[in-house]
mmCIF file of all heavy atoms, coordinates in Angstrom:
data_MODEL
# 
_entry.id   MODEL 
# 
loop_
_atom_site.group_PDB 
_atom_site.id 
_atom_site.type_symbol 
_atom_site.label_atom_id 
_atom_site.label_alt_id 
_atom_site.label_comp_id 
_atom_site.label_asym_id 
_atom_site.label_entity_id 
_atom_site.label_seq_id 
_atom_site.pdbx_PDB_ins_code 
_atom_site.Cartn_x 
_atom_site.Cartn_y 
_atom_site.Cartn_z 
_atom_site.occupancy 
_atom_site.B_iso_or_equiv 
_atom_site.pdbx_formal_charge 
_atom_site.auth_seq_id 
_atom_site.auth_comp_id 
_atom_site.auth_asym_id 
_atom_site.auth_atom_id 
_atom_site.pdbx_PDB_model_num 
ATOM 1   N N   . VAL A 1 1  ? -12.585 -11.309 -6.271  1.00 0.00 ? 1  VAL A N   1 
ATOM 2   C CA  . VAL A 1 1  ? -13.643 -10.357 -6.608  1.00 0.00 ? 1  VAL A CA  1 
ATOM 3   C C   . VAL A 1 1  ? -13.277 -8.960  -6.108  1.00 0.00 ? 1  VAL A C   1 
ATOM 4   O O   . VAL A 1 1  ? -13.399 -7.964  -6.834  1.00 0.00 ? 1  VAL A O   1 
ATOM 5   C CB  . VAL A 1 1  ? -14.999 -10.806 -6.016  1.00 0.00 ? 1  VAL A CB  1 
ATOM 6   C CG1 . VAL A 1 1  ? -16.059 -9.725  -6.220  1.00 0.00 ? 1  VAL A CG1 1 
ATOM 7   C CG2 . VAL A 1 1  ? -15.445 -12.113 -6.640  1.00 0.00 ? 1  VAL A CG2 1 
ATOM 8   N N   . LEU A 1 2  ? -12.798 -8.877  -4.856  1.00 0.00 ? 2  LEU A N   1 
ATOM 9   C CA  . LEU A 1 2  ? -12.412 -7.577  -4.303  1.00 0.00 ? 2  LEU A CA  1 
ATOM 10  C C   . LEU A 1 2  ? -11.266 -6.960  -5.097  1.00 0.00 ? 2  LEU A C   1 
ATOM 11  O O   . LEU A 1 2  ? -11.275 -5.759  -5.398  1.00 0.00 ? 2  LEU A O   1 
ATOM 12  C CB  . LEU A 1 2  ? -12.008 -7.729  -2.835  1.00 0.00 ? 2  LEU A CB  1 
ATOM 13  C CG  . LEU A 1 2  ? -11.453 -6.452  -2.175  1.00 0.00 ? 2  LEU A CG  1 
ATOM 14  C CD1 . LEU A 1 2  ? -12.514 -5.350  -2.159  1.00 0.00 ? 2  LEU A CD1 1 
ATOM 15  C CD2 . LEU A 1 2  ? -10.969 -6.744  -0.758  1.00 0.00 ? 2  LEU A CD2 1 
ATOM 16  N N   . MET A 1 3  ? -10.261 -7.762  -5.437  1.00 0.00 ? 3  MET A N   1 
ATOM 17  C CA  . MET A 1 3  ? -9.115  -7.242  -6.181  1.00 0.00 ? 3  MET A CA  1 
ATOM 18  C C   . MET A 1 3  ? -9.529  -6.742  -7.560  1.00 0.00 ? 3  MET A C   1 
ATOM 19  O O   . MET A 1 3  ? -9.033  -5.716  -8.042  1.00 0.00 ? 3  MET A O   1 
ATOM 20  C CB  . MET A 1 3  ? -8.042  -8.326  -6.291  1.00 0.00 ? 3  MET A CB  1 
ATOM 21  C CG  . MET A 1 3  ? -7.333  -8.613  -4.975  1.00 0.00 ? 3  MET A CG  1 
ATOM 22  S SD  . MET A 1 3  ? -6.391  -10.156 -4.991  1.00 0.00 ? 3  MET A SD  1 
ATOM 23  C CE  . MET A 1 3  ? -5.305  -9.906  -6.386  1.00 0.00 ? 3  MET A CE  1 
ATOM 24  N N   . LEU A 1 4  ? -10.447 -7.454  -8.194  1.00 0.00 ? 4  LEU A N   1 
ATOM 25  C CA  . LEU A 1 4  ? -10.935 -7.024  -9.500  1.00 0.00 ? 4  LEU A CA  1 
ATOM 26  C C   . LEU A 1 4  ? -11.668 -5.695  -9.383  1.00 0.00 ? 4  LEU A C   1 
ATOM 27  O O   . LEU A 1 4  ? -11.497 -4.793  -10.217 1.00 0.00 ? 4  LEU A O   1 
ATOM 28  C CB  . LEU A 1 4  ? -11.859 -8.094  -10.079 1.00 0.00 ? 4  LEU A CB  1 
ATOM 29  C CG  . LEU A 1 4  ? -12.198 -7.975  -11.562 1.00 0.00 ? 4  LEU A CG  1 
ATOM 30  C CD1 . LEU A 1 4  ? -10.950 -8.063  -12.417 1.00 0.00 ? 4  LEU A CD1 1 
ATOM 31  C CD2 . LEU A 1 4  ? -13.193 -9.060  -11.969 1.00 0.00 ? 4  LEU A CD2 1 
ATOM 32  N N   . LEU A 1 5  ? -12.463 -5.554  -8.323  1.00 0.00 ? 5  LEU A N   1 
ATOM 33  C CA  . LEU A 1 5  ? -13.156 -4.285  -8.075  1.00 0.00 ? 5  LEU A CA  1 
ATOM 34  C C   . LEU A 1 5  ? -12.153 -3.167  -7.796  1.00 0.00 ? 5  LEU A C   1 
ATOM 35  O O   . LEU A 1 5  ? -12.336 -2.033  -8.239  1.00 0.00 ? 5  LEU A O   1 
ATOM 36  C CB  . LEU A 1 5  ? -14.117 -4.436  -6.893  1.00 0.00 ? 5  LEU A CB  1 
ATOM 37  C CG  . LEU A 1 5  ? -15.340 -5.328  -7.121  1.00 0.00 ? 5  LEU A CG  1 
ATOM 38  C CD1 . LEU A 1 5  ? -16.124 -5.492  -5.826  1.00 0.00 ? 5  LEU A CD1 1 
ATOM 39  C CD2 . LEU A 1 5  ? -16.233 -4.748  -8.214  1.00 0.00 ? 5  LEU A CD2 1 
ATOM 40  N N   . GLY A 1 6  ? -11.094 -3.499  -7.050  1.00 0.00 ? 6  GLY A N   1 
ATOM 41  C CA  . GLY A 1 6  ? -10.070 -2.501  -6.762  1.00 0.00 ? 6  GLY A CA  1 
ATOM 42  C C   . GLY A 1 6  ? -9.411  -1.984  -8.023  1.00 0.00 ? 6  GLY A C   1 
ATOM 43  O O   . GLY A 1 6  ? -9.158  -0.777  -8.166  1.00 0.00 ? 6  GLY A O   1 
ATOM 44  N N   . ASP A 1 7  ? -9.130  -2.883  -8.966  1.00 0.00 ? 7  ASP A N   1 
ATOM 45  C CA  . ASP A 1 7  ? -8.510  -2.490  -10.230 1.00 0.00 ? 7  ASP A CA  1 
ATOM 46  C C   . ASP A 1 7  ? -9.466  -1.699  -11.120 1.00 0.00 ? 7  ASP A C   1 
ATOM 47  O O   . ASP A 1 7  ? -9.077  -0.715  -11.743 1.00 0.00 ? 7  ASP A O   1 
ATOM 48  C CB  . ASP A 1 7  ? -8.051  -3.740  -10.984 1.00 0.00 ? 7  ASP A CB  1 
ATOM 49  C CG  . ASP A 1 7  ? -6.532  -3.850  -11.058 1.00 0.00 ? 7  ASP A CG  1 
ATOM 50  O OD1 . ASP A 1 7  ? -5.845  -2.987  -10.497 1.00 0.00 ? 7  ASP A OD1 1 
ATOM 51  O OD2 . ASP A 1 7  ? -6.038  -4.823  -11.662 1.00 0.00 ? 7  ASP A OD2 1 
ATOM 52  N N   . LYS A 1 8  ? -10.727 -2.124  -11.170 1.00 0.00 ? 8  LYS A N   1 
ATOM 53  C CA  . LYS A 1 8  ? -11.679 -1.534  -12.117 1.00 0.00 ? 8  LYS A CA  1 
ATOM 54  C C   . LYS A 1 8  ? -12.378 -0.285  -11.580 1.00 0.00 ? 8  LYS A C   1 
ATOM 55  O O   . LYS A 1 8  ? -12.774 0.586   -12.355 1.00 0.00 ? 8  LYS A O   1 
ATOM 56  C CB  . LYS A 1 8  ? -12.734 -2.571  -12.507 1.00 0.00 ? 8  LYS A CB  1 
ATOM 57  C CG  . LYS A 1 8  ? -12.165 -3.849  -13.122 1.00 0.00 ? 8  LYS A CG  1 
ATOM 58  C CD  . LYS A 1 8  ? -11.315 -3.565  -14.349 1.00 0.00 ? 8  LYS A CD  1 
ATOM 59  C CE  . LYS A 1 8  ? -10.755 -4.863  -14.948 1.00 0.00 ? 8  LYS A CE  1 
ATOM 60  N NZ  . LYS A 1 8  ? -9.863  -4.591  -16.109 1.00 0.00 ? 8  LYS A NZ  1 
ATOM 61  N N   . LEU A 1 9  ? -12.565 -0.217  -10.250 1.00 0.00 ? 9  LEU A N   1 
ATOM 62  C CA  . LEU A 1 9  ? -13.339 0.889   -9.672  1.00 0.00 ? 9  LEU A CA  1 
ATOM 63  C C   . LEU A 1 9  ? -12.481 1.868   -8.882  1.00 0.00 ? 9  LEU A C   1 
ATOM 64  O O   . LEU A 1 9  ? -13.021 2.712   -8.174  1.00 0.00 ? 9  LEU A O   1 
ATOM 65  C CB  . LEU A 1 9  ? -14.439 0.326   -8.751  1.00 0.00 ? 9  LEU A CB  1 
ATOM 66  C CG  . LEU A 1 9  ? -15.452 -0.632  -9.388  1.00 0.00 ? 9  LEU A CG  1 
ATOM 67  C CD1 . LEU A 1 9  ? -16.466 -1.092  -8.342  1.00 0.00 ? 9  LEU A CD1 1 
ATOM 68  C CD2 . LEU A 1 9  ? -16.157 0.022   -10.573 1.00 0.00 ? 9  LEU A CD2 1 
ATOM 69  N N   . ARG A 1 10 ? -11.160 1.757   -8.988  1.00 0.00 ? 10 ARG A N   1 
ATOM 70  C CA  . ARG A 1 10 ? -10.292 2.632   -8.203  1.00 0.00 ? 10 ARG A CA  1 
ATOM 71  C C   . ARG A 1 10 ? -10.583 4.095   -8.511  1.00 0.00 ? 10 ARG A C   1 
ATOM 72  O O   . ARG A 1 10 ? -10.860 4.457   -9.663  1.00 0.00 ? 10 ARG A O   1 
ATOM 73  C CB  . ARG A 1 10 ? -8.822  2.318   -8.449  1.00 0.00 ? 10 ARG A CB  1 
ATOM 74  C CG  . ARG A 1 10 ? -8.316  2.579   -9.843  1.00 0.00 ? 10 ARG A CG  1 
ATOM 75  C CD  . ARG A 1 10 ? -6.840  2.157   -9.958  1.00 0.00 ? 10 ARG A CD  1 
ATOM 76  N NE  . ARG A 1 10 ? -6.254  2.487   -11.228 1.00 0.00 ? 10 ARG A NE  1 
ATOM 77  C CZ  . ARG A 1 10 ? -6.292  1.723   -12.298 1.00 0.00 ? 10 ARG A CZ  1 
ATOM 78  N NH1 . ARG A 1 10 ? -6.934  0.563   -12.250 1.00 0.00 ? 10 ARG A NH1 1 
ATOM 79  N NH2 . ARG A 1 10 ? -5.717  2.097   -13.421 1.00 0.00 ? 10 ARG A NH2 1 
ATOM 80  N N   . THR A 1 11 ? -10.523 4.905   -7.472  1.00 0.00 ? 11 THR A N   1 
ATOM 81  C CA  . THR A 1 11 ? -10.839 6.324   -7.612  1.00 0.00 ? 11 THR A CA  1 
ATOM 82  C C   . THR A 1 11 ? -9.631  7.097   -8.146  1.00 0.00 ? 11 THR A C   1 
ATOM 83  O O   . THR A 1 11 ? -8.542  6.544   -8.297  1.00 0.00 ? 11 THR A O   1 
ATOM 84  C CB  . THR A 1 11 ? -11.256 6.910   -6.253  1.00 0.00 ? 11 THR A CB  1 
ATOM 85  O OG1 . THR A 1 11 ? -10.170 6.763   -5.321  1.00 0.00 ? 11 THR A OG1 1 
ATOM 86  C CG2 . THR A 1 11 ? -12.469 6.190   -5.702  1.00 0.00 ? 11 THR A CG2 1 
ATOM 87  N N   . LYS A 1 12 ? -9.844  8.347   -8.415  1.00 0.00 ? 12 LYS A N   1 
ATOM 88  C CA  . LYS A 1 12 ? -8.751  9.215   -8.865  1.00 0.00 ? 12 LYS A CA  1 
ATOM 89  C C   . LYS A 1 12 ? -7.648  9.226   -7.815  1.00 0.00 ? 12 LYS A C   1 
ATOM 90  O O   . LYS A 1 12 ? -7.909  9.322   -6.618  1.00 0.00 ? 12 LYS A O   1 
ATOM 91  C CB  . LYS A 1 12 ? -9.277  10.636  -9.086  1.00 0.00 ? 12 LYS A CB  1 
ATOM 92  C CG  . LYS A 1 12 ? -8.208  11.616  -9.545  1.00 0.00 ? 12 LYS A CG  1 
ATOM 93  C CD  . LYS A 1 12 ? -8.787  13.004  -9.732  1.00 0.00 ? 12 LYS A CD  1 
ATOM 94  C CE  . LYS A 1 12 ? -7.690  13.984  -10.144 1.00 0.00 ? 12 LYS A CE  1 
ATOM 95  N NZ  . LYS A 1 12 ? -8.234  15.360  -10.315 1.00 0.00 ? 12 LYS A NZ  1 
ATOM 96  N N   . THR A 1 13 ? -6.412  9.114   -8.258  1.00 0.00 ? 13 THR A N   1 
ATOM 97  C CA  . THR A 1 13 ? -5.279  9.061   -7.338  1.00 0.00 ? 13 THR A CA  1 
ATOM 98  C C   . THR A 1 13 ? -5.101  10.387  -6.611  1.00 0.00 ? 13 THR A C   1 
ATOM 99  O O   . THR A 1 13 ? -4.877  11.428  -7.235  1.00 0.00 ? 13 THR A O   1 
ATOM 100 C CB  . THR A 1 13 ? -3.979  8.712   -8.083  1.00 0.00 ? 13 THR A CB  1 
ATOM 101 O OG1 . THR A 1 13 ? -4.110  7.430   -8.693  1.00 0.00 ? 13 THR A OG1 1 
ATOM 102 C CG2 . THR A 1 13 ? -2.799  8.688   -7.113  1.00 0.00 ? 13 THR A CG2 1 
ATOM 103 N N   . ILE A 1 14 ? -5.237  10.343  -5.282  1.00 0.00 ? 14 ILE A N   1 
ATOM 104 C CA  . ILE A 1 14 ? -5.006  11.530  -4.470  1.00 0.00 ? 14 ILE A CA  1 
ATOM 105 C C   . ILE A 1 14 ? -3.788  11.345  -3.568  1.00 0.00 ? 14 ILE A C   1 
ATOM 106 O O   . ILE A 1 14 ? -3.344  12.284  -2.921  1.00 0.00 ? 14 ILE A O   1 
ATOM 107 C CB  . ILE A 1 14 ? -6.244  11.850  -3.594  1.00 0.00 ? 14 ILE A CB  1 
ATOM 108 C CG1 . ILE A 1 14 ? -6.582  10.670  -2.684  1.00 0.00 ? 14 ILE A CG1 1 
ATOM 109 C CG2 . ILE A 1 14 ? -7.429  12.229  -4.455  1.00 0.00 ? 14 ILE A CG2 1 
ATOM 110 C CD1 . ILE A 1 14 ? -7.705  10.950  -1.709  1.00 0.00 ? 14 ILE A CD1 1 
ATOM 111 N N   . SER A 1 15 ? -3.255  10.117  -3.558  1.00 0.00 ? 15 SER A N   1 
ATOM 112 C CA  . SER A 1 15 ? -2.075  9.825   -2.724  1.00 0.00 ? 15 SER A CA  1 
ATOM 113 C C   . SER A 1 15 ? -1.047  9.067   -3.558  1.00 0.00 ? 15 SER A C   1 
ATOM 114 O O   . SER A 1 15 ? -0.908  7.844   -3.454  1.00 0.00 ? 15 SER A O   1 
ATOM 115 C CB  . SER A 1 15 ? -2.487  8.979   -1.508  1.00 0.00 ? 15 SER A CB  1 
ATOM 116 O OG  . SER A 1 15 ? -3.483  9.618   -0.761  1.00 0.00 ? 15 SER A OG  1 
ATOM 117 N N   . PRO A 1 16 ? -0.281  9.792   -4.389  1.00 0.00 ? 16 PRO A N   1 
ATOM 118 C CA  . PRO A 1 16 ? 0.705   9.125   -5.239  1.00 0.00 ? 16 PRO A CA  1 
ATOM 119 C C   . PRO A 1 16 ? 1.932   8.625   -4.485  1.00 0.00 ? 16 PRO A C   1 
ATOM 120 O O   . PRO A 1 16 ? 2.708   7.847   -5.024  1.00 0.00 ? 16 PRO A O   1 
ATOM 121 C CB  . PRO A 1 16 ? 1.079   10.204  -6.254  1.00 0.00 ? 16 PRO A CB  1 
ATOM 122 C CG  . PRO A 1 16 ? 0.801   11.494  -5.553  1.00 0.00 ? 16 PRO A CG  1 
ATOM 123 C CD  . PRO A 1 16 ? -0.378  11.231  -4.667  1.00 0.00 ? 16 PRO A CD  1 
ATOM 124 N N   . THR A 1 17 ? 2.122   9.083   -3.249  1.00 0.00 ? 17 THR A N   1 
ATOM 125 C CA  . THR A 1 17 ? 3.255   8.618   -2.442  1.00 0.00 ? 17 THR A CA  1 
ATOM 126 C C   . THR A 1 17 ? 2.775   8.254   -1.044  1.00 0.00 ? 17 THR A C   1 
ATOM 127 O O   . THR A 1 17 ? 1.684   8.649   -0.616  1.00 0.00 ? 17 THR A O   1 
ATOM 128 C CB  . THR A 1 17 ? 4.339   9.707   -2.316  1.00 0.00 ? 17 THR A CB  1 
ATOM 129 O OG1 . THR A 1 17 ? 3.836   10.786  -1.510  1.00 0.00 ? 17 THR A OG1 1 
ATOM 130 C CG2 . THR A 1 17 ? 4.752   10.234  -3.680  1.00 0.00 ? 17 THR A CG2 1 
ATOM 131 N N   . LEU A 1 18 ? 3.600   7.527   -0.310  1.00 0.00 ? 18 LEU A N   1 
ATOM 132 C CA  . LEU A 1 18 ? 3.264   7.139   1.061   1.00 0.00 ? 18 LEU A CA  1 
ATOM 133 C C   . LEU A 1 18 ? 2.995   8.336   1.955   1.00 0.00 ? 18 LEU A C   1 
ATOM 134 O O   . LEU A 1 18 ? 2.108   8.311   2.800   1.00 0.00 ? 18 LEU A O   1 
ATOM 135 C CB  . LEU A 1 18 ? 4.411   6.309   1.666   1.00 0.00 ? 18 LEU A CB  1 
ATOM 136 C CG  . LEU A 1 18 ? 4.443   4.817   1.361   1.00 0.00 ? 18 LEU A CG  1 
ATOM 137 C CD1 . LEU A 1 18 ? 5.705   4.211   1.938   1.00 0.00 ? 18 LEU A CD1 1 
ATOM 138 C CD2 . LEU A 1 18 ? 3.216   4.122   1.923   1.00 0.00 ? 18 LEU A CD2 1 
ATOM 139 N N   . ASP A 1 19 ? 3.769   9.410   1.773   1.00 0.00 ? 19 ASP A N   1 
ATOM 140 C CA  . ASP A 1 19 ? 3.650   10.569  2.647   1.00 0.00 ? 19 ASP A CA  1 
ATOM 141 C C   . ASP A 1 19 ? 2.392   11.389  2.398   1.00 0.00 ? 19 ASP A C   1 
ATOM 142 O O   . ASP A 1 19 ? 2.116   12.345  3.117   1.00 0.00 ? 19 ASP A O   1 
ATOM 143 C CB  . ASP A 1 19 ? 4.889   11.468  2.499   1.00 0.00 ? 19 ASP A CB  1 
ATOM 144 C CG  . ASP A 1 19 ? 6.125   10.822  3.110   1.00 0.00 ? 19 ASP A CG  1 
ATOM 145 O OD1 . ASP A 1 19 ? 6.011   10.272  4.223   1.00 0.00 ? 19 ASP A OD1 1 
ATOM 146 O OD2 . ASP A 1 19 ? 7.187   10.843  2.471   1.00 0.00 ? 19 ASP A OD2 1 
ATOM 147 N N   . GLN A 1 20 ? 1.609   11.018  1.395   1.00 0.00 ? 20 GLN A N   1 
ATOM 148 C CA  . GLN A 1 20 ? 0.360   11.726  1.124   1.00 0.00 ? 20 GLN A CA  1 
ATOM 149 C C   . GLN A 1 20 ? -0.874  10.924  1.545   1.00 0.00 ? 20 GLN A C   1 
ATOM 150 O O   . GLN A 1 20 ? -1.998  11.362  1.313   1.00 0.00 ? 20 GLN A O   1 
ATOM 151 C CB  . GLN A 1 20 ? 0.286   12.077  -0.372  1.00 0.00 ? 20 GLN A CB  1 
ATOM 152 C CG  . GLN A 1 20 ? 1.313   13.143  -0.766  1.00 0.00 ? 20 GLN A CG  1 
ATOM 153 C CD  . GLN A 1 20 ? 1.425   13.315  -2.268  1.00 0.00 ? 20 GLN A CD  1 
ATOM 154 O OE1 . GLN A 1 20 ? 1.732   12.368  -2.995  1.00 0.00 ? 20 GLN A OE1 1 
ATOM 155 N NE2 . GLN A 1 20 ? 1.163   14.514  -2.756  1.00 0.00 ? 20 GLN A NE2 1 
ATOM 156 N N   . ILE A 1 21 ? -0.671  9.777   2.162   1.00 0.00 ? 21 ILE A N   1 
ATOM 157 C CA  . ILE A 1 21 ? -1.799  9.002   2.676   1.00 0.00 ? 21 ILE A CA  1 
ATOM 158 C C   . ILE A 1 21 ? -2.372  9.700   3.909   1.00 0.00 ? 21 ILE A C   1 
ATOM 159 O O   . ILE A 1 21 ? -1.629  10.093  4.817   1.00 0.00 ? 21 ILE A O   1 
ATOM 160 C CB  . ILE A 1 21 ? -1.350  7.563   3.030   1.00 0.00 ? 21 ILE A CB  1 
ATOM 161 C CG1 . ILE A 1 21 ? -1.092  6.779   1.744   1.00 0.00 ? 21 ILE A CG1 1 
ATOM 162 C CG2 . ILE A 1 21 ? -2.406  6.846   3.871   1.00 0.00 ? 21 ILE A CG2 1 
ATOM 163 C CD1 . ILE A 1 21 ? -0.662  5.347   1.963   1.00 0.00 ? 21 ILE A CD1 1 
ATOM 164 N N   . SER A 1 22 ? -3.681  9.860   3.939   1.00 0.00 ? 22 SER A N   1 
ATOM 165 C CA  . SER A 1 22 ? -4.337  10.544  5.059   1.00 0.00 ? 22 SER A CA  1 
ATOM 166 C C   . SER A 1 22 ? -4.671  9.552   6.168   1.00 0.00 ? 22 SER A C   1 
ATOM 167 O O   . SER A 1 22 ? -4.635  8.327   5.976   1.00 0.00 ? 22 SER A O   1 
ATOM 168 C CB  . SER A 1 22 ? -5.626  11.215  4.578   1.00 0.00 ? 22 SER A CB  1 
ATOM 169 O OG  . SER A 1 22 ? -6.595  10.240  4.221   1.00 0.00 ? 22 SER A OG  1 
ATOM 170 N N   . TYR A 1 23 ? -5.036  10.089  7.324   1.00 0.00 ? 23 TYR A N   1 
ATOM 171 C CA  . TYR A 1 23 ? -5.434  9.230   8.442   1.00 0.00 ? 23 TYR A CA  1 
ATOM 172 C C   . TYR A 1 23 ? -6.716  8.460   8.094   1.00 0.00 ? 23 TYR A C   1 
ATOM 173 O O   . TYR A 1 23 ? -6.870  7.294   8.460   1.00 0.00 ? 23 TYR A O   1 
ATOM 174 C CB  . TYR A 1 23 ? -5.651  10.065  9.702   1.00 0.00 ? 23 TYR A CB  1 
ATOM 175 C CG  . TYR A 1 23 ? -4.385  10.674  10.258  1.00 0.00 ? 23 TYR A CG  1 
ATOM 176 C CD1 . TYR A 1 23 ? -4.329  12.022  10.611  1.00 0.00 ? 23 TYR A CD1 1 
ATOM 177 C CD2 . TYR A 1 23 ? -3.239  9.910   10.431  1.00 0.00 ? 23 TYR A CD2 1 
ATOM 178 C CE1 . TYR A 1 23 ? -3.172  12.584  11.122  1.00 0.00 ? 23 TYR A CE1 1 
ATOM 179 C CE2 . TYR A 1 23 ? -2.076  10.468  10.941  1.00 0.00 ? 23 TYR A CE2 1 
ATOM 180 C CZ  . TYR A 1 23 ? -2.042  11.806  11.281  1.00 0.00 ? 23 TYR A CZ  1 
ATOM 181 O OH  . TYR A 1 23 ? -0.897  12.356  11.784  1.00 0.00 ? 23 TYR A OH  1 
ATOM 182 N N   . LYS A 1 24 ? -7.628  9.129   7.397   1.00 0.00 ? 24 LYS A N   1 
ATOM 183 C CA  . LYS A 1 24 ? -8.879  8.474   7.000   1.00 0.00 ? 24 LYS A CA  1 
ATOM 184 C C   . LYS A 1 24 ? -8.597  7.306   6.067   1.00 0.00 ? 24 LYS A C   1 
ATOM 185 O O   . LYS A 1 24 ? -9.175  6.216   6.209   1.00 0.00 ? 24 LYS A O   1 
ATOM 186 C CB  . LYS A 1 24 ? -9.811  9.481   6.321   1.00 0.00 ? 24 LYS A CB  1 
ATOM 187 C CG  . LYS A 1 24 ? -11.147 8.873   5.894   1.00 0.00 ? 24 LYS A CG  1 
ATOM 188 C CD  . LYS A 1 24 ? -12.026 9.923   5.217   1.00 0.00 ? 24 LYS A CD  1 
ATOM 189 C CE  . LYS A 1 24 ? -13.354 9.297   4.759   1.00 0.00 ? 24 LYS A CE  1 
ATOM 190 N NZ  . LYS A 1 24 ? -14.208 10.324  4.086   1.00 0.00 ? 24 LYS A NZ  1 
ATOM 191 N N   . GLN A 1 25 ? -7.690  7.521   5.102   1.00 0.00 ? 25 GLN A N   1 
ATOM 192 C CA  . GLN A 1 25 ? -7.317  6.429   4.202   1.00 0.00 ? 25 GLN A CA  1 
ATOM 193 C C   . GLN A 1 25 ? -6.704  5.272   4.974   1.00 0.00 ? 25 GLN A C   1 
ATOM 194 O O   . GLN A 1 25 ? -7.012  4.107   4.713   1.00 0.00 ? 25 GLN A O   1 
ATOM 195 C CB  . GLN A 1 25 ? -6.311  6.934   3.162   1.00 0.00 ? 25 GLN A CB  1 
ATOM 196 C CG  . GLN A 1 25 ? -6.922  7.719   2.011   1.00 0.00 ? 25 GLN A CG  1 
ATOM 197 C CD  . GLN A 1 25 ? -5.844  8.226   1.079   1.00 0.00 ? 25 GLN A CD  1 
ATOM 198 O OE1 . GLN A 1 25 ? -5.048  9.083   1.434   1.00 0.00 ? 25 GLN A OE1 1 
ATOM 199 N NE2 . GLN A 1 25 ? -5.806  7.690   -0.126  1.00 0.00 ? 25 GLN A NE2 1 
ATOM 200 N N   . ALA A 1 26 ? -5.823  5.577   5.904   1.00 0.00 ? 26 ALA A N   1 
ATOM 201 C CA  . ALA A 1 26 ? -5.144  4.537   6.685   1.00 0.00 ? 26 ALA A CA  1 
ATOM 202 C C   . ALA A 1 26 ? -6.158  3.683   7.445   1.00 0.00 ? 26 ALA A C   1 
ATOM 203 O O   . ALA A 1 26 ? -6.070  2.447   7.451   1.00 0.00 ? 26 ALA A O   1 
ATOM 204 C CB  . ALA A 1 26 ? -4.146  5.164   7.655   1.00 0.00 ? 26 ALA A CB  1 
ATOM 205 N N   . PHE A 1 27 ? -7.127  4.334   8.085   1.00 0.00 ? 27 PHE A N   1 
ATOM 206 C CA  . PHE A 1 27 ? -8.129  3.587   8.850   1.00 0.00 ? 27 PHE A CA  1 
ATOM 207 C C   . PHE A 1 27 ? -9.011  2.754   7.927   1.00 0.00 ? 27 PHE A C   1 
ATOM 208 O O   . PHE A 1 27 ? -9.343  1.596   8.244   1.00 0.00 ? 27 PHE A O   1 
ATOM 209 C CB  . PHE A 1 27 ? -8.997  4.554   9.661   1.00 0.00 ? 27 PHE A CB  1 
ATOM 210 C CG  . PHE A 1 27 ? -10.022 3.862   10.515  1.00 0.00 ? 27 PHE A CG  1 
ATOM 211 C CD1 . PHE A 1 27 ? -9.641  3.185   11.668  1.00 0.00 ? 27 PHE A CD1 1 
ATOM 212 C CD2 . PHE A 1 27 ? -11.362 3.867   10.162  1.00 0.00 ? 27 PHE A CD2 1 
ATOM 213 C CE1 . PHE A 1 27 ? -10.585 2.525   12.455  1.00 0.00 ? 27 PHE A CE1 1 
ATOM 214 C CE2 . PHE A 1 27 ? -12.312 3.214   10.941  1.00 0.00 ? 27 PHE A CE2 1 
ATOM 215 C CZ  . PHE A 1 27 ? -11.911 2.543   12.087  1.00 0.00 ? 27 PHE A CZ  1 
ATOM 216 N N   . THR A 1 28 ? -9.393  3.317   6.771   1.00 0.00 ? 28 THR A N   1 
ATOM 217 C CA  . THR A 1 28 ? -10.232 2.585   5.823   1.00 0.00 ? 28 THR A CA  1 
ATOM 218 C C   . THR A 1 28 ? -9.498  1.352   5.288   1.00 0.00 ? 28 THR A C   1 
ATOM 219 O O   . THR A 1 28 ? -10.082 0.269   5.168   1.00 0.00 ? 28 THR A O   1 
ATOM 220 C CB  . THR A 1 28 ? -10.646 3.486   4.651   1.00 0.00 ? 28 THR A CB  1 
ATOM 221 O OG1 . THR A 1 28 ? -11.304 4.654   5.159   1.00 0.00 ? 28 THR A OG1 1 
ATOM 222 C CG2 . THR A 1 28 ? -11.591 2.755   3.706   1.00 0.00 ? 28 THR A CG2 1 
ATOM 223 N N   . ILE A 1 29 ? -8.218  1.518   4.977   1.00 0.00 ? 29 ILE A N   1 
ATOM 224 C CA  . ILE A 1 29 ? -7.417  0.370   4.538   1.00 0.00 ? 29 ILE A CA  1 
ATOM 225 C C   . ILE A 1 29 ? -7.368  -0.682  5.646   1.00 0.00 ? 29 ILE A C   1 
ATOM 226 O O   . ILE A 1 29 ? -7.400  -1.887  5.384   1.00 0.00 ? 29 ILE A O   1 
ATOM 227 C CB  . ILE A 1 29 ? -5.997  0.824   4.143   1.00 0.00 ? 29 ILE A CB  1 
ATOM 228 C CG1 . ILE A 1 29 ? -6.061  1.696   2.886   1.00 0.00 ? 29 ILE A CG1 1 
ATOM 229 C CG2 . ILE A 1 29 ? -5.081  -0.377  3.915   1.00 0.00 ? 29 ILE A CG2 1 
ATOM 230 C CD1 . ILE A 1 29 ? -4.756  2.364   2.518   1.00 0.00 ? 29 ILE A CD1 1 
ATOM 231 N N   . GLY A 1 30 ? -7.311  -0.238  6.900   1.00 0.00 ? 30 GLY A N   1 
ATOM 232 C CA  . GLY A 1 30 ? -7.335  -1.155  8.031   1.00 0.00 ? 30 GLY A CA  1 
ATOM 233 C C   . GLY A 1 30 ? -8.623  -1.955  8.096   1.00 0.00 ? 30 GLY A C   1 
ATOM 234 O O   . GLY A 1 30 ? -8.617  -3.138  8.467   1.00 0.00 ? 30 GLY A O   1 
# 
């Protein structure tokens, strides 16, 4: 269910590469 939501509800890409991931994103992914 979560993976389906991730595919269907993903937001606009703001981090196309690893070096553009923010600290907030990293913690949220955690």
